[in-house]
């Protein structure tokens, strides 16, 4: 009886283990090295002085970087929709505190958390980058 219980317990433990497939469909973005130094004193980044404001910085990541002042610091996200293959319409546009895909489905993401907002079936959130503030500079990397 003890052997049967033991084997049943082992079977249950091993059968409950599975691969983490939560991001199996999140392979649209390239793993591009990012190392950006953003000078907050420049006029194009003056909006970042205020909470809930965001700016687009081209030339980094897959389709640029979106930087958001969250009130407790800064968040940086890749500006390419992670639920689309990169295309002419998959660049995200800033609309308030949200990023909206230019494609027909208009996927919408929170710039505070990076999570999808308008479609519960979306499996991928925005690709985050590490942000470190050093004086009036933001160092963004992955």
C-alpha atoms as a PDB file:
ATOM      1  CA  UNK A   1       0.000   0.000   0.000  1.00  0.00           C
ATOM      2  CA  UNK A   2       2.847   2.402   0.857  1.00  0.00           C
ATOM      3  CA  UNK A   3       4.546   1.680  -2.477  1.00  0.00           C
ATOM      4  CA  UNK A   4       1.365   2.425  -4.408  1.00  0.00           C
ATOM      5  CA  UNK A   5       0.881   5.699  -2.526  1.00  0.00           C
ATOM      6  CA  UNK A   6       4.537   6.638  -3.063  1.00  0.00           C
ATOM      7  CA  UNK A   7       4.422   5.899  -6.816  1.00  0.00           C
ATOM      8  CA  UNK A   8       1.135   7.766  -7.176  1.00  0.00           C
ATOM      9  CA  UNK A   9       2.605  10.774  -5.373  1.00  0.00           C
ATOM     10  CA  UNK A  10       5.720  10.721  -7.584  1.00  0.00           C
ATOM     11  CA  UNK A  11       3.550  10.455 -10.708  1.00  0.00           C
ATOM     12  CA  UNK A  12       1.403  13.418  -9.646  1.00  0.00           C
ATOM     13  CA  UNK A  13       4.442  15.556  -8.853  1.00  0.00           C
ATOM     14  CA  UNK A  14       6.171  14.876 -12.163  1.00  0.00           C
ATOM     15  CA  UNK A  15       3.032  15.116 -14.277  1.00  0.00           C
ATOM     16  CA  UNK A  16       2.209  18.511 -12.789  1.00  0.00           C
ATOM     17  CA  UNK A  17       5.549  19.900 -13.942  1.00  0.00           C
ATOM     18  CA  UNK A  18       5.550  21.434 -17.388  1.00  0.00           C
ATOM     19  CA  UNK A  19       7.566  23.720 -19.562  1.00  0.00           C
ATOM     20  CA  UNK A  20       6.955  27.417 -19.228  1.00  0.00           C
ATOM     21  CA  UNK A  21       5.225  28.134 -22.525  1.00  0.00           C
ATOM     22  CA  UNK A  22       3.872  31.530 -21.518  1.00  0.00           C
ATOM     23  CA  UNK A  23       5.986  33.307 -24.118  1.00  0.00           C
ATOM     24  CA  UNK A  24       5.982  30.697 -26.875  1.00  0.00           C
ATOM     25  CA  UNK A  25       4.311  33.216 -29.206  1.00  0.00           C
ATOM     26  CA  UNK A  26       6.484  36.121 -28.062  1.00  0.00           C
ATOM     27  CA  UNK A  27       9.256  35.549 -30.566  1.00  0.00           C
ATOM     28  CA  UNK A  28       8.478  38.343 -33.009  1.00  0.00           C
ATOM     29  CA  UNK A  29      11.064  40.809 -31.716  1.00  0.00           C
ATOM     30  CA  UNK A  30      14.791  40.507 -32.338  1.00  0.00           C
ATOM     31  CA  UNK A  31      17.107  40.428 -29.335  1.00  0.00           C
ATOM     32  CA  UNK A  32      18.860  43.653 -30.297  1.00  0.00           C
ATOM     33  CA  UNK A  33      21.542  45.065 -28.021  1.00  0.00           C
ATOM     34  CA  UNK A  34      20.531  48.449 -26.601  1.00  0.00           C
ATOM     35  CA  UNK A  35      22.875  50.907 -24.938  1.00  0.00           C
ATOM     36  CA  UNK A  36      21.385  54.406 -25.019  1.00  0.00           C
ATOM     37  CA  UNK A  37      22.369  57.484 -23.047  1.00  0.00           C
ATOM     38  CA  UNK A  38      19.513  60.017 -22.925  1.00  0.00           C
ATOM     39  CA  UNK A  39      20.349  63.561 -21.788  1.00  0.00           C
ATOM     40  CA  UNK A  40      17.222  64.873 -20.035  1.00  0.00           C
ATOM     41  CA  UNK A  41      18.458  68.472 -20.475  1.00  0.00           C
ATOM     42  CA  UNK A  42      17.827  68.312 -24.238  1.00  0.00           C
ATOM     43  CA  UNK A  43      14.554  69.914 -25.399  1.00  0.00           C
ATOM     44  CA  UNK A  44      13.244  66.769 -27.144  1.00  0.00           C
ATOM     45  CA  UNK A  45      13.111  65.034 -23.738  1.00  0.00           C
ATOM     46  CA  UNK A  46      11.612  67.932 -21.736  1.00  0.00           C
ATOM     47  CA  UNK A  47       8.239  66.130 -21.555  1.00  0.00           C
ATOM     48  CA  UNK A  48       9.858  63.534 -19.294  1.00  0.00           C
ATOM     49  CA  UNK A  49       9.996  66.104 -16.501  1.00  0.00           C
ATOM     50  CA  UNK A  50       6.304  65.423 -15.863  1.00  0.00           C
ATOM     51  CA  UNK A  51       4.655  62.261 -14.550  1.00  0.00           C
ATOM     52  CA  UNK A  52       2.702  60.189 -17.115  1.00  0.00           C
ATOM     53  CA  UNK A  53       4.498  61.732 -20.085  1.00  0.00           C
ATOM     54  CA  UNK A  54       6.354  59.624 -22.606  1.00  0.00           C
ATOM     55  CA  UNK A  55       8.707  60.190 -25.534  1.00  0.00           C
ATOM     56  CA  UNK A  56       9.740  58.155 -28.553  1.00  0.00           C
ATOM     57  CA  UNK A  57      13.465  57.714 -29.228  1.00  0.00           C
ATOM     58  CA  UNK A  58      14.253  56.300 -32.708  1.00  0.00           C
ATOM     59  CA  UNK A  59      17.322  54.306 -33.633  1.00  0.00           C
ATOM     60  CA  UNK A  60      17.445  51.804 -30.761  1.00  0.00           C
ATOM     61  CA  UNK A  61      15.909  48.382 -30.267  1.00  0.00           C
ATOM     62  CA  UNK A  62      13.614  46.933 -32.922  1.00  0.00           C
ATOM     63  CA  UNK A  63      11.655  50.079 -33.845  1.00  0.00           C
ATOM     64  CA  UNK A  64      12.911  52.617 -31.312  1.00  0.00           C
ATOM     65  CA  UNK A  65      12.338  53.053 -27.575  1.00  0.00           C
ATOM     66  CA  UNK A  66       9.396  54.488 -25.652  1.00  0.00           C
ATOM     67  CA  UNK A  67      10.434  56.155 -22.384  1.00  0.00           C
ATOM     68  CA  UNK A  68       7.831  56.929 -19.709  1.00  0.00           C
ATOM     69  CA  UNK A  69       8.050  58.965 -16.500  1.00  0.00           C
ATOM     70  CA  UNK A  70       6.100  56.731 -14.088  1.00  0.00           C
ATOM     71  CA  UNK A  71       6.332  59.049 -11.103  1.00  0.00           C
ATOM     72  CA  UNK A  72       8.598  56.631  -9.237  1.00  0.00           C
ATOM     73  CA  UNK A  73      11.228  56.554 -11.971  1.00  0.00           C
ATOM     74  CA  UNK A  74      11.405  55.850 -15.663  1.00  0.00           C
ATOM     75  CA  UNK A  75      10.325  52.863 -17.739  1.00  0.00           C
ATOM     76  CA  UNK A  76      11.658  52.062 -21.205  1.00  0.00           C
ATOM     77  CA  UNK A  77       9.952  49.760 -23.702  1.00  0.00           C
ATOM     78  CA  UNK A  78      10.716  48.599 -27.220  1.00  0.00           C
ATOM     79  CA  UNK A  79       8.548  50.561 -29.672  1.00  0.00           C
ATOM     80  CA  UNK A  80       7.648  47.486 -31.732  1.00  0.00           C
ATOM     81  CA  UNK A  81       4.409  45.596 -31.056  1.00  0.00           C
ATOM     82  CA  UNK A  82       5.493  42.262 -29.509  1.00  0.00           C
ATOM     83  CA  UNK A  83       2.375  40.535 -30.889  1.00  0.00           C
ATOM     84  CA  UNK A  84       3.244  41.274 -34.549  1.00  0.00           C
ATOM     85  CA  UNK A  85       6.082  40.496 -36.862  1.00  0.00           C
ATOM     86  CA  UNK A  86       7.968  43.751 -37.446  1.00  0.00           C
ATOM     87  CA  UNK A  87       6.338  45.613 -40.331  1.00  0.00           C
ATOM     88  CA  UNK A  88       5.592  49.144 -41.426  1.00  0.00           C
ATOM     89  CA  UNK A  89       2.500  49.280 -39.185  1.00  0.00           C
ATOM     90  CA  UNK A  90       3.866  47.565 -36.051  1.00  0.00           C
ATOM     91  CA  UNK A  91       5.605  50.628 -34.615  1.00  0.00           C
ATOM     92  CA  UNK A  92       3.851  51.772 -31.455  1.00  0.00           C
ATOM     93  CA  UNK A  93       2.549  55.331 -31.167  1.00  0.00           C
ATOM     94  CA  UNK A  94       2.234  57.184 -27.878  1.00  0.00           C
ATOM     95  CA  UNK A  95      -1.326  58.177 -26.960  1.00  0.00           C
ATOM     96  CA  UNK A  96      -1.310  59.596 -23.437  1.00  0.00           C
ATOM     97  CA  UNK A  97      -0.061  56.886 -21.079  1.00  0.00           C
ATOM     98  CA  UNK A  98      -0.622  54.161 -23.664  1.00  0.00           C
ATOM     99  CA  UNK A  99       1.194  52.778 -26.679  1.00  0.00           C
ATOM    100  CA  UNK A 100      -0.984  51.883 -29.671  1.00  0.00           C
ATOM    101  CA  UNK A 101      -0.002  49.705 -32.610  1.00  0.00           C
ATOM    102  CA  UNK A 102      -0.542  51.232 -36.044  1.00  0.00           C
ATOM    103  CA  UNK A 103      -1.811  47.941 -37.514  1.00  0.00           C
ATOM    104  CA  UNK A 104      -5.478  47.182 -38.136  1.00  0.00           C
ATOM    105  CA  UNK A 105      -6.023  45.518 -34.734  1.00  0.00           C
ATOM    106  CA  UNK A 106      -4.658  48.600 -32.882  1.00  0.00           C
ATOM    107  CA  UNK A 107      -3.193  46.636 -29.958  1.00  0.00           C
ATOM    108  CA  UNK A 108      -2.930  48.923 -26.932  1.00  0.00           C
ATOM    109  CA  UNK A 109      -0.412  48.671 -24.076  1.00  0.00           C
ATOM    110  CA  UNK A 110       0.097  50.481 -20.767  1.00  0.00           C
ATOM    111  CA  UNK A 111       3.303  52.495 -20.676  1.00  0.00           C
ATOM    112  CA  UNK A 112       3.326  52.108 -16.875  1.00  0.00           C
ATOM    113  CA  UNK A 113       3.328  48.298 -16.838  1.00  0.00           C
ATOM    114  CA  UNK A 114       3.878  47.193 -20.446  1.00  0.00           C
ATOM    115  CA  UNK A 115       0.793  44.963 -20.298  1.00  0.00           C
ATOM    116  CA  UNK A 116      -1.807  44.736 -23.114  1.00  0.00           C
ATOM    117  CA  UNK A 117      -5.016  46.679 -22.415  1.00  0.00           C
ATOM    118  CA  UNK A 118      -7.605  46.210 -25.146  1.00  0.00           C
ATOM    119  CA  UNK A 119      -7.378  42.501 -25.951  1.00  0.00           C
ATOM    120  CA  UNK A 120      -7.282  39.808 -23.227  1.00  0.00           C
ATOM    121  CA  UNK A 121      -6.073  37.245 -25.796  1.00  0.00           C
ATOM    122  CA  UNK A 122      -2.722  38.979 -26.335  1.00  0.00           C
ATOM    123  CA  UNK A 123       0.016  36.845 -24.819  1.00  0.00           C
ATOM    124  CA  UNK A 124       2.949  39.247 -24.990  1.00  0.00           C
ATOM    125  CA  UNK A 125       3.583  42.437 -23.066  1.00  0.00           C
ATOM    126  CA  UNK A 126       5.994  45.142 -24.183  1.00  0.00           C
ATOM    127  CA  UNK A 127       9.687  44.300 -24.201  1.00  0.00           C
ATOM    128  CA  UNK A 128      11.241  46.151 -21.255  1.00  0.00           C
ATOM    129  CA  UNK A 129      14.687  47.703 -21.063  1.00  0.00           C
ATOM    130  CA  UNK A 130      16.661  48.487 -17.920  1.00  0.00           C
ATOM    131  CA  UNK A 131      16.749  52.179 -17.004  1.00  0.00           C
ATOM    132  CA  UNK A 132      19.270  53.770 -14.641  1.00  0.00           C
ATOM    133  CA  UNK A 133      19.212  57.471 -13.846  1.00  0.00           C
ATOM    134  CA  UNK A 134      22.507  59.197 -13.265  1.00  0.00           C
ATOM    135  CA  UNK A 135      21.993  62.898 -12.655  1.00  0.00           C
ATOM    136  CA  UNK A 136      20.281  64.283 -15.763  1.00  0.00           C
ATOM    137  CA  UNK A 137      21.037  61.212 -17.869  1.00  0.00           C
ATOM    138  CA  UNK A 138      19.109  58.017 -18.397  1.00  0.00           C
ATOM    139  CA  UNK A 139      21.155  54.947 -19.217  1.00  0.00           C
ATOM    140  CA  UNK A 140      18.965  52.453 -21.089  1.00  0.00           C
ATOM    141  CA  UNK A 141      20.243  48.950 -21.769  1.00  0.00           C
ATOM    142  CA  UNK A 142      19.247  45.323 -21.908  1.00  0.00           C
END
